[in-house]
C-alpha atoms as a PDB file:
ATOM      1  CA  MET A   1      95.740 118.440  84.747  1.00  0.00           C
ATOM      2  CA  LYS A   2      93.431 121.645  85.809  1.00  0.00           C
ATOM      3  CA  LEU A   3      90.087 121.036  87.665  1.00  0.00           C
ATOM      4  CA  SER A   4      87.089 123.860  87.051  1.00  0.00           C
ATOM      5  CA  LYS A   5      85.397 125.016  90.216  1.00  0.00           C
ATOM      6  CA  GLU A   6      82.615 122.921  89.112  1.00  0.00           C
ATOM      7  CA  GLU A   7      84.503 119.683  88.732  1.00  0.00           C
ATOM      8  CA  ILE A   8      86.174 120.879  92.567  1.00  0.00           C
ATOM      9  CA  ALA A   9      82.497 122.042  93.996  1.00  0.00           C
ATOM     10  CA  HIS A  10      81.408 118.266  92.712  1.00  0.00           C
ATOM     11  CA  LEU A  11      84.370 116.650  94.222  1.00  0.00           C
ATOM     12  CA  ALA A  12      83.713 118.581  97.402  1.00  0.00           C
ATOM     13  CA  LYS A  13      79.464 117.410  97.179  1.00  0.00           C
ATOM     14  CA  LEU A  14      80.494 114.025  96.626  1.00  0.00           C
ATOM     15  CA  ALA A  15      82.763 113.847  99.916  1.00  0.00           C
ATOM     16  CA  ARG A  16      79.806 115.712 101.802  1.00  0.00           C
ATOM     17  CA  LEU A  17      82.281 118.910 102.305  1.00  0.00           C
ATOM     18  CA  ASP A  18      80.849 122.231 103.104  1.00  0.00           C
ATOM     19  CA  LEU A  19      82.913 123.944 100.752  1.00  0.00           C
ATOM     20  CA  PRO A  20      82.439 128.088 101.050  1.00  0.00           C
ATOM     21  CA  GLU A  21      82.816 129.634  97.611  1.00  0.00           C
ATOM     22  CA  ASP A  22      85.574 131.907  98.935  1.00  0.00           C
ATOM     23  CA  LYS A  23      87.722 128.892  99.345  1.00  0.00           C
ATOM     24  CA  LEU A  24      86.696 127.230  96.253  1.00  0.00           C
ATOM     25  CA  GLU A  25      89.176 129.292  94.345  1.00  0.00           C
ATOM     26  CA  ARG A  26      91.730 128.175  96.903  1.00  0.00           C
ATOM     27  CA  MET A  27      90.672 124.499  96.593  1.00  0.00           C
ATOM     28  CA  THR A  28      90.550 124.799  92.598  1.00  0.00           C
ATOM     29  CA  LYS A  29      94.620 126.003  92.238  1.00  0.00           C
ATOM     30  CA  ASP A  30      95.573 124.308  95.319  1.00  0.00           C
ATOM     31  CA  PHE A  31      94.181 120.737  93.795  1.00  0.00           C
ATOM     32  CA  GLY A  32      95.792 122.056  90.051  1.00  0.00           C
ATOM     33  CA  ALA A  33      99.044 122.352  91.595  1.00  0.00           C
ATOM     34  CA  ILE A  34      99.090 118.689  93.205  1.00  0.00           C
ATOM     35  CA  LEU A  35      97.890 117.162  90.047  1.00  0.00           C
ATOM     36  CA  GLU A  36     100.505 119.380  88.227  1.00  0.00           C
ATOM     37  CA  TYR A  37     102.890 117.450  90.509  1.00  0.00           C
ATOM     38  CA  VAL A  38     101.740 114.388  90.317  1.00  0.00           C
ATOM     39  CA  ASP A  39     101.750 114.513  86.310  1.00  0.00           C
ATOM     40  CA  ARG A  40     105.467 115.644  87.034  1.00  0.00           C
ATOM     41  CA  ILE A  41     106.527 112.158  89.060  1.00  0.00           C
ATOM     42  CA  GLN A  42     104.594 110.199  86.379  1.00  0.00           C
ATOM     43  CA  GLN A  43     107.052 111.566  83.665  1.00  0.00           C
ATOM     44  CA  ILE A  44     110.113 110.263  85.895  1.00  0.00           C
ATOM     45  CA  ASP A  45     111.939 107.531  84.156  1.00  0.00           C
ATOM     46  CA  VAL A  46     112.345 104.676  86.701  1.00  0.00           C
ATOM     47  CA  GLU A  47     113.552 101.678  84.494  1.00  0.00           C
ATOM     48  CA  GLY A  48     116.189  99.822  86.133  1.00  0.00           C
ATOM     49  CA  VAL A  49     115.149 101.276  89.747  1.00  0.00           C
ATOM     50  CA  GLU A  50     114.885  98.435  92.360  1.00  0.00           C
ATOM     51  CA  PRO A  51     112.090  99.041  94.103  1.00  0.00           C
ATOM     52  CA  PHE A  52     112.139  99.854  97.519  1.00  0.00           C
ATOM     53  CA  THR A  53     110.340  98.143 100.980  1.00  0.00           C
ATOM     54  CA  MET A  54     110.138  98.542 104.226  1.00  0.00           C
ATOM     55  CA  PRO A  55     111.132  95.955 106.335  1.00  0.00           C
ATOM     56  CA  SER A  56     107.815  93.712 108.305  1.00  0.00           C
ATOM     57  CA  ARG A  57     108.223  93.629 111.708  1.00  0.00           C
ATOM     58  CA  ASP A  58     109.669  90.043 111.998  1.00  0.00           C
ATOM     59  CA  GLN A  59     112.759  91.744 110.418  1.00  0.00           C
ATOM     60  CA  GLY A  60     113.340  94.536 112.831  1.00  0.00           C
ATOM     61  CA  TRP A  61     111.115  96.524 114.073  1.00  0.00           C
ATOM     62  CA  ARG A  62     111.507  96.876 117.640  1.00  0.00           C
ATOM     63  CA  PRO A  63     107.558  96.252 119.477  1.00  0.00           C
ATOM     64  CA  ASP A  64     106.222  99.580 120.786  1.00  0.00           C
ATOM     65  CA  GLU A  65     105.436  98.866 124.578  1.00  0.00           C
ATOM     66  CA  ALA A  66     105.117 101.130 127.432  1.00  0.00           C
ATOM     67  CA  VAL A  67     107.725 101.495 129.914  1.00  0.00           C
ATOM     68  CA  GLU A  68     107.217 102.575 133.787  1.00  0.00           C
ATOM     69  CA  SER A  69     109.322 104.988 135.001  1.00  0.00           C
ATOM     70  CA  ASP A  70     109.269 106.576 138.253  1.00  0.00           C
ATOM     71  CA  GLU A  71     108.154 110.224 139.551  1.00  0.00           C
ATOM     72  CA  VAL A  72     111.025 112.342 138.974  1.00  0.00           C
ATOM     73  CA  THR A  73     111.544 110.504 135.738  1.00  0.00           C
ATOM     74  CA  ARG A  74     108.098 111.186 134.508  1.00  0.00           C
ATOM     75  CA  GLU A  75     108.109 115.155 135.675  1.00  0.00           C
ATOM     76  CA  LEU A  76     111.723 115.634 134.106  1.00  0.00           C
ATOM     77  CA  ILE A  77     109.616 114.814 131.348  1.00  0.00           C
ATOM     78  CA  LEU A  78     106.789 116.714 131.337  1.00  0.00           C
ATOM     79  CA  SER A  79     108.543 119.005 132.011  1.00  0.00           C
ATOM     80  CA  ASN A  80     110.064 119.579 129.114  1.00  0.00           C
ATOM     81  CA  PHE A  81     106.593 120.340 126.895  1.00  0.00           C
ATOM     82  CA  PRO A  82     105.890 124.101 126.859  1.00  0.00           C
ATOM     83  CA  GLU A  83     102.732 123.672 126.512  1.00  0.00           C
ATOM     84  CA  ARG A  84     100.794 121.097 128.370  1.00  0.00           C
ATOM     85  CA  ALA A  85      97.520 120.254 130.732  1.00  0.00           C
ATOM     86  CA  ASN A  86      98.206 118.030 133.430  1.00  0.00           C
ATOM     87  CA  ASP A  87      99.639 114.910 132.026  1.00  0.00           C
ATOM     88  CA  LEU A  88      98.181 116.008 128.347  1.00  0.00           C
ATOM     89  CA  LEU A  89     101.073 116.938 126.280  1.00  0.00           C
ATOM     90  CA  ALA A  90     101.017 119.551 123.427  1.00  0.00           C
ATOM     91  CA  ALA A  91     102.842 119.117 120.444  1.00  0.00           C
ATOM     92  CA  PRO A  92     101.997 121.166 117.008  1.00  0.00           C
ATOM     93  CA  GLY A  93     100.231 119.847 114.089  1.00  0.00           C
ATOM     94  CA  VAL A  94     101.897 117.749 111.637  1.00  0.00           C
ATOM     95  CA  PHE A  95     100.480 120.034 108.505  1.00  0.00           C
ATOM     96  CA  GLU A  96     100.506 123.277 110.877  1.00  0.00           C
ATOM     97  CA  THR A  97     103.467 125.520 109.874  1.00  0.00           C
ATOM     98  CA  PRO A  98     105.481 126.657 113.001  1.00  0.00           C
ATOM     99  CA  LYS A  99     105.106 129.304 115.073  1.00  0.00           C
ATOM    100  CA  LYS A 100     108.572 131.538 115.552  1.00  0.00           C
END
């Protein structure tokens, strides 16, 4: 399923996104690829496949709790991050391509 430029522009307007003309062409292509992939996934035969579920917290997730450490351990941990500002650590973004 392909969307037209006009449909992408309309979606951007509904989402209150400022989508310049030069990015409109790229977004049209990207959305088309995404929808094509979704169509392919929907064609997969899943008859007889058991649904997968994640365990709930009471079935074994560990609680998220802060752990205190001494100053030496803290500095050791902080020294392993190449980019930081005081106690703030910089990590690569989830959707960014890693730098080489």
